[in-house]
């Protein structure tokens, strides 16, 4: 004689509750950024996530350097983005590689700036950031400006001296830094 076993209603209820709880936990993990959408190297995927400031990850090569971008979520009307310079381009001087590679910066970018230009194309992005990568960028800028100043110091000094001795003389405009700080 064959007996049939019925699945009890208790098992089905427990299984259904488990599925519902699993769905809620998964949704919360994505909603609060515990799990980030991995856009790998898909710029459109990342830009779409960035416009809503949804947690996501993206890697991009810019001028031979490998960067990783992680959107961590929003804070009021600002989007929290972490940018890490993972790998410098081959041929980069060792001292520059040591100063930059592996460093990151945390950025709080107004959502309106991201919506108008995309997360990795924001003009003046560095002004919204803090961290070791930003500090390294500023150190390099200061080193280059100092080098330019020292290189042209004698010419500038001669012109200033001429101006003091002859106040009606014009200062040579090619030795005065332009708006970008670069001497022509």
C-alpha atoms as a PDB file:
ATOM      1  CA  UNK A   1       0.000   0.000   0.000  1.00  0.00           C
ATOM      2  CA  UNK A   2       1.357   3.429  -0.975  1.00  0.00           C
ATOM      3  CA  UNK A   3       0.884   6.286   1.348  1.00  0.00           C
ATOM      4  CA  UNK A   4       0.908   9.834   0.105  1.00  0.00           C
ATOM      5  CA  UNK A   5       2.506  12.468   2.202  1.00  0.00           C
ATOM      6  CA  UNK A   6       1.003  15.880   2.299  1.00  0.00           C
ATOM      7  CA  UNK A   7       3.145  18.901   2.741  1.00  0.00           C
ATOM      8  CA  UNK A   8       2.014  20.569   5.860  1.00  0.00           C
ATOM      9  CA  UNK A   9       0.724  24.110   5.740  1.00  0.00           C
ATOM     10  CA  UNK A  10       3.325  25.117   8.355  1.00  0.00           C
ATOM     11  CA  UNK A  11       6.251  24.435   6.008  1.00  0.00           C
ATOM     12  CA  UNK A  12       4.700  26.492   3.197  1.00  0.00           C
ATOM     13  CA  UNK A  13       4.052  29.422   5.546  1.00  0.00           C
ATOM     14  CA  UNK A  14       7.636  29.351   6.845  1.00  0.00           C
ATOM     15  CA  UNK A  15       9.005  29.205   3.310  1.00  0.00           C
ATOM     16  CA  UNK A  16       6.821  32.127   2.215  1.00  0.00           C
ATOM     17  CA  UNK A  17       7.894  34.212   5.225  1.00  0.00           C
ATOM     18  CA  UNK A  18      11.538  33.398   4.441  1.00  0.00           C
ATOM     19  CA  UNK A  19      11.128  34.558   0.823  1.00  0.00           C
ATOM     20  CA  UNK A  20       9.446  37.793   1.878  1.00  0.00           C
ATOM     21  CA  UNK A  21      12.137  38.548   4.487  1.00  0.00           C
ATOM     22  CA  UNK A  22      14.883  37.721   1.991  1.00  0.00           C
ATOM     23  CA  UNK A  23      13.319  40.111  -0.535  1.00  0.00           C
ATOM     24  CA  UNK A  24      13.055  42.905   2.036  1.00  0.00           C
ATOM     25  CA  UNK A  25      16.665  42.453   3.200  1.00  0.00           C
ATOM     26  CA  UNK A  26      17.909  42.412  -0.405  1.00  0.00           C
ATOM     27  CA  UNK A  27      15.949  45.566  -1.227  1.00  0.00           C
ATOM     28  CA  UNK A  28      17.296  47.317   1.899  1.00  0.00           C
ATOM     29  CA  UNK A  29      20.861  46.279   1.011  1.00  0.00           C
ATOM     30  CA  UNK A  30      20.583  47.974  -2.380  1.00  0.00           C
ATOM     31  CA  UNK A  31      18.592  50.955  -1.106  1.00  0.00           C
ATOM     32  CA  UNK A  32      21.075  51.804   1.661  1.00  0.00           C
ATOM     33  CA  UNK A  33      24.171  51.053  -0.379  1.00  0.00           C
ATOM     34  CA  UNK A  34      25.301  47.925   1.414  1.00  0.00           C
ATOM     35  CA  UNK A  35      25.346  46.318  -2.020  1.00  0.00           C
ATOM     36  CA  UNK A  36      26.454  48.534  -4.890  1.00  0.00           C
ATOM     37  CA  UNK A  37      25.466  48.120  -8.516  1.00  0.00           C
ATOM     38  CA  UNK A  38      28.619  47.068 -10.360  1.00  0.00           C
ATOM     39  CA  UNK A  39      28.800  48.997 -13.628  1.00  0.00           C
ATOM     40  CA  UNK A  40      32.338  47.646 -14.286  1.00  0.00           C
ATOM     41  CA  UNK A  41      33.367  49.820 -17.264  1.00  0.00           C
ATOM     42  CA  UNK A  42      29.885  50.720 -18.525  1.00  0.00           C
ATOM     43  CA  UNK A  43      29.750  54.533 -18.453  1.00  0.00           C
ATOM     44  CA  UNK A  44      26.029  54.721 -19.302  1.00  0.00           C
ATOM     45  CA  UNK A  45      25.176  52.383 -16.416  1.00  0.00           C
ATOM     46  CA  UNK A  46      27.228  54.530 -14.036  1.00  0.00           C
ATOM     47  CA  UNK A  47      25.810  57.836 -15.326  1.00  0.00           C
ATOM     48  CA  UNK A  48      22.257  56.512 -14.921  1.00  0.00           C
ATOM     49  CA  UNK A  49      23.013  55.461 -11.333  1.00  0.00           C
ATOM     50  CA  UNK A  50      24.755  58.777 -10.631  1.00  0.00           C
ATOM     51  CA  UNK A  51      21.789  60.860 -11.783  1.00  0.00           C
ATOM     52  CA  UNK A  52      19.744  59.278  -9.004  1.00  0.00           C
ATOM     53  CA  UNK A  53      22.767  59.082  -6.671  1.00  0.00           C
ATOM     54  CA  UNK A  54      22.223  55.329  -6.393  1.00  0.00           C
ATOM     55  CA  UNK A  55      25.084  53.290  -4.923  1.00  0.00           C
ATOM     56  CA  UNK A  56      27.249  51.899  -7.721  1.00  0.00           C
ATOM     57  CA  UNK A  57      30.834  51.146  -8.745  1.00  0.00           C
ATOM     58  CA  UNK A  58      32.659  52.055 -11.952  1.00  0.00           C
ATOM     59  CA  UNK A  59      36.220  51.856 -13.286  1.00  0.00           C
ATOM     60  CA  UNK A  60      37.585  54.083 -16.025  1.00  0.00           C
ATOM     61  CA  UNK A  61      40.907  54.739 -17.729  1.00  0.00           C
ATOM     62  CA  UNK A  62      41.629  58.450 -18.166  1.00  0.00           C
ATOM     63  CA  UNK A  63      44.859  59.577 -19.817  1.00  0.00           C
ATOM     64  CA  UNK A  64      46.280  56.119 -19.149  1.00  0.00           C
ATOM     65  CA  UNK A  65      45.468  56.160 -15.409  1.00  0.00           C
ATOM     66  CA  UNK A  66      42.973  53.696 -13.905  1.00  0.00           C
ATOM     67  CA  UNK A  67      40.394  55.275 -11.584  1.00  0.00           C
ATOM     68  CA  UNK A  68      37.594  53.702  -9.584  1.00  0.00           C
ATOM     69  CA  UNK A  69      34.452  55.653  -8.735  1.00  0.00           C
ATOM     70  CA  UNK A  70      32.082  54.536  -5.996  1.00  0.00           C
ATOM     71  CA  UNK A  71      28.796  56.308  -5.397  1.00  0.00           C
ATOM     72  CA  UNK A  72      27.987  55.776  -1.743  1.00  0.00           C
ATOM     73  CA  UNK A  73      24.573  57.444  -1.712  1.00  0.00           C
ATOM     74  CA  UNK A  74      23.111  60.837  -0.985  1.00  0.00           C
ATOM     75  CA  UNK A  75      23.263  63.224   1.912  1.00  0.00           C
ATOM     76  CA  UNK A  76      20.490  65.820   1.550  1.00  0.00           C
ATOM     77  CA  UNK A  77      20.962  67.344  -1.917  1.00  0.00           C
ATOM     78  CA  UNK A  78      24.553  66.121  -2.290  1.00  0.00           C
ATOM     79  CA  UNK A  79      25.894  62.849  -3.666  1.00  0.00           C
ATOM     80  CA  UNK A  80      28.754  61.086  -1.851  1.00  0.00           C
ATOM     81  CA  UNK A  81      31.349  59.811  -4.338  1.00  0.00           C
ATOM     82  CA  UNK A  82      34.684  58.158  -3.585  1.00  0.00           C
ATOM     83  CA  UNK A  83      37.383  58.424  -6.258  1.00  0.00           C
ATOM     84  CA  UNK A  84      40.534  56.291  -6.113  1.00  0.00           C
ATOM     85  CA  UNK A  85      43.492  56.420  -8.471  1.00  0.00           C
ATOM     86  CA  UNK A  86      44.150  52.679  -8.688  1.00  0.00           C
ATOM     87  CA  UNK A  87      47.021  52.565 -11.186  1.00  0.00           C
ATOM     88  CA  UNK A  88      49.148  55.223 -12.875  1.00  0.00           C
ATOM     89  CA  UNK A  89      49.948  55.118 -16.591  1.00  0.00           C
ATOM     90  CA  UNK A  90      53.067  53.209 -17.571  1.00  0.00           C
ATOM     91  CA  UNK A  91      56.037  55.521 -17.984  1.00  0.00           C
ATOM     92  CA  UNK A  92      54.951  57.808 -15.138  1.00  0.00           C
ATOM     93  CA  UNK A  93      57.975  58.845 -13.029  1.00  0.00           C
ATOM     94  CA  UNK A  94      58.376  56.745  -9.889  1.00  0.00           C
ATOM     95  CA  UNK A  95      58.079  59.712  -7.495  1.00  0.00           C
ATOM     96  CA  UNK A  96      54.706  60.657  -9.035  1.00  0.00           C
ATOM     97  CA  UNK A  97      53.492  57.045  -8.852  1.00  0.00           C
ATOM     98  CA  UNK A  98      54.469  56.894  -5.178  1.00  0.00           C
ATOM     99  CA  UNK A  99      52.621  60.150  -4.483  1.00  0.00           C
ATOM    100  CA  UNK A 100      49.370  59.244  -6.255  1.00  0.00           C
ATOM    101  CA  UNK A 101      48.818  55.519  -6.740  1.00  0.00           C
ATOM    102  CA  UNK A 102      46.270  53.969  -4.387  1.00  0.00           C
ATOM    103  CA  UNK A 103      45.153  57.296  -2.936  1.00  0.00           C
ATOM    104  CA  UNK A 104      41.539  58.379  -2.832  1.00  0.00           C
ATOM    105  CA  UNK A 105      39.325  61.350  -2.106  1.00  0.00           C
ATOM    106  CA  UNK A 106      35.773  61.615  -0.846  1.00  0.00           C
ATOM    107  CA  UNK A 107      33.520  64.074  -2.629  1.00  0.00           C
ATOM    108  CA  UNK A 108      30.180  65.641  -1.684  1.00  0.00           C
ATOM    109  CA  UNK A 109      28.872  66.866  -5.029  1.00  0.00           C
ATOM    110  CA  UNK A 110      25.618  68.797  -5.468  1.00  0.00           C
ATOM    111  CA  UNK A 111      23.112  66.560  -7.241  1.00  0.00           C
ATOM    112  CA  UNK A 112      22.377  69.320  -9.750  1.00  0.00           C
ATOM    113  CA  UNK A 113      26.025  69.252 -10.955  1.00  0.00           C
ATOM    114  CA  UNK A 114      25.851  65.497 -11.580  1.00  0.00           C
ATOM    115  CA  UNK A 115      22.539  65.697 -13.420  1.00  0.00           C
ATOM    116  CA  UNK A 116      23.880  68.326 -15.812  1.00  0.00           C
ATOM    117  CA  UNK A 117      27.232  66.734 -16.678  1.00  0.00           C
ATOM    118  CA  UNK A 118      27.593  63.153 -15.400  1.00  0.00           C
ATOM    119  CA  UNK A 119      29.558  61.963 -12.370  1.00  0.00           C
ATOM    120  CA  UNK A 120      33.040  61.824 -13.874  1.00  0.00           C
ATOM    121  CA  UNK A 121      32.784  64.935 -16.067  1.00  0.00           C
ATOM    122  CA  UNK A 122      32.068  67.541 -13.361  1.00  0.00           C
ATOM    123  CA  UNK A 123      34.018  70.766 -13.844  1.00  0.00           C
ATOM    124  CA  UNK A 124      35.749  71.824 -10.644  1.00  0.00           C
ATOM    125  CA  UNK A 125      35.117  68.419  -9.059  1.00  0.00           C
ATOM    126  CA  UNK A 126      38.162  68.702  -6.812  1.00  0.00           C
ATOM    127  CA  UNK A 127      36.611  71.656  -4.962  1.00  0.00           C
ATOM    128  CA  UNK A 128      33.945  69.283  -3.594  1.00  0.00           C
ATOM    129  CA  UNK A 129      36.498  66.701  -2.374  1.00  0.00           C
ATOM    130  CA  UNK A 130      38.780  66.007   0.575  1.00  0.00           C
ATOM    131  CA  UNK A 131      41.404  63.346   1.156  1.00  0.00           C
ATOM    132  CA  UNK A 132      44.917  62.152   0.320  1.00  0.00           C
ATOM    133  CA  UNK A 133      44.421  62.196  -3.475  1.00  0.00           C
ATOM    134  CA  UNK A 134      43.376  65.860  -3.414  1.00  0.00           C
ATOM    135  CA  UNK A 135      46.342  66.704  -1.185  1.00  0.00           C
ATOM    136  CA  UNK A 136      48.726  64.960  -3.608  1.00  0.00           C
ATOM    137  CA  UNK A 137      47.240  66.879  -6.550  1.00  0.00           C
ATOM    138  CA  UNK A 138      47.742  70.187  -4.734  1.00  0.00           C
ATOM    139  CA  UNK A 139      51.305  69.245  -3.732  1.00  0.00           C
ATOM    140  CA  UNK A 140      52.169  68.551  -7.380  1.00  0.00           C
ATOM    141  CA  UNK A 141      50.619  71.878  -8.480  1.00  0.00           C
ATOM    142  CA  UNK A 142      52.652  73.748  -5.856  1.00  0.00           C
ATOM    143  CA  UNK A 143      55.858  71.973  -6.931  1.00  0.00           C
ATOM    144  CA  UNK A 144      55.261  72.893 -10.589  1.00  0.00           C
ATOM    145  CA  UNK A 145      54.428  76.511  -9.776  1.00  0.00           C
ATOM    146  CA  UNK A 146      57.500  76.788  -7.570  1.00  0.00           C
ATOM    147  CA  UNK A 147      59.633  75.377 -10.396  1.00  0.00           C
ATOM    148  CA  UNK A 148      58.212  77.936 -12.832  1.00  0.00           C
ATOM    149  CA  UNK A 149      58.790  80.758 -10.373  1.00  0.00           C
ATOM    150  CA  UNK A 150      62.412  79.772  -9.737  1.00  0.00           C
ATOM    151  CA  UNK A 151      63.038  79.239 -13.463  1.00  0.00           C
ATOM    152  CA  UNK A 152      61.795  82.741 -14.292  1.00  0.00           C
ATOM    153  CA  UNK A 153      62.730  84.494 -11.049  1.00  0.00           C
ATOM    154  CA  UNK A 154      65.759  86.310 -12.443  1.00  0.00           C
ATOM    155  CA  UNK A 155      63.807  87.714 -15.420  1.00  0.00           C
ATOM    156  CA  UNK A 156      60.942  88.802 -13.148  1.00  0.00           C
ATOM    157  CA  UNK A 157      63.393  90.405 -10.701  1.00  0.00           C
ATOM    158  CA  UNK A 158      65.071  92.363 -13.503  1.00  0.00           C
ATOM    159  CA  UNK A 159      61.714  93.655 -14.722  1.00  0.00           C
ATOM    160  CA  UNK A 160      60.615  94.655 -11.216  1.00  0.00           C
ATOM    161  CA  UNK A 161      63.946  96.420 -10.693  1.00  0.00           C
ATOM    162  CA  UNK A 162      63.504  98.269 -14.027  1.00  0.00           C
ATOM    163  CA  UNK A 163      59.984  99.263 -12.968  1.00  0.00           C
ATOM    164  CA  UNK A 164      61.258 100.661  -9.676  1.00  0.00           C
ATOM    165  CA  UNK A 165      64.083 102.579 -11.330  1.00  0.00           C
ATOM    166  CA  UNK A 166      61.958 103.673 -14.295  1.00  0.00           C
ATOM    167  CA  UNK A 167      58.281 103.879 -13.181  1.00  0.00           C
ATOM    168  CA  UNK A 168      57.068 104.742 -16.669  1.00  0.00           C
ATOM    169  CA  UNK A 169      58.486 101.518 -18.169  1.00  0.00           C
ATOM    170  CA  UNK A 170      56.067  98.719 -19.042  1.00  0.00           C
ATOM    171  CA  UNK A 171      56.446  95.322 -17.391  1.00  0.00           C
ATOM    172  CA  UNK A 172      56.862  92.569 -19.986  1.00  0.00           C
ATOM    173  CA  UNK A 173      53.485  90.809 -20.019  1.00  0.00           C
ATOM    174  CA  UNK A 174      55.035  87.512 -21.120  1.00  0.00           C
ATOM    175  CA  UNK A 175      56.589  87.067 -17.705  1.00  0.00           C
ATOM    176  CA  UNK A 176      53.446  87.699 -15.718  1.00  0.00           C
ATOM    177  CA  UNK A 177      51.346  84.615 -14.878  1.00  0.00           C
ATOM    178  CA  UNK A 178      48.016  84.393 -16.679  1.00  0.00           C
ATOM    179  CA  UNK A 179      44.737  83.323 -15.035  1.00  0.00           C
ATOM    180  CA  UNK A 180      45.817  79.666 -15.008  1.00  0.00           C
ATOM    181  CA  UNK A 181      49.023  80.556 -13.190  1.00  0.00           C
ATOM    182  CA  UNK A 182      51.255  79.471 -16.062  1.00  0.00           C
ATOM    183  CA  UNK A 183      53.915  81.884 -17.194  1.00  0.00           C
ATOM    184  CA  UNK A 184      53.976  82.374 -20.955  1.00  0.00           C
END
